[in-house]
């Protein structure tokens, strides 16, 4: 941490961070995340970081540009968090698929912009549906 603070004292050093979450984990187990460390480094270095994470405009602009996305609604964003994944998908204009395998549940959705377009309880359901669709497609095209 001392090295990071020392480096950030130099004017030419860019200060980028990821998610500033305070806690990581599920409802039973939690561990300290990077948020408090980012806060400490920022305070000691006197620099404010540029945050590159979900949900964020910088990451949105990067993804839309690098992937050359002209119609975001055709993109399916799959995520398991409401405030990060579903909110980010909304900011980007993506179609949202919520998978209830993370910390959040469908009941946790409070805001319209975080409400998913689709929901599955596990990714296994998506793979099963995909296989069924492939099977039907193959059967319909047999001679």
Foldseek 3Di string as FASTA:
>chain_A
DVVLLVVLLDPVDAAEDEDLDQWDDAPVDIDGDCNVVLVVSCVSNVHDHDYAFFQDPVVLVVCCVVVVDPQQQVAEFEDADQRGRQLNSLVNVYQYEHAPPGRDDQVPDDDPSSRHPHYDPHCVVVVVVVVVVVVVVVVVPDD
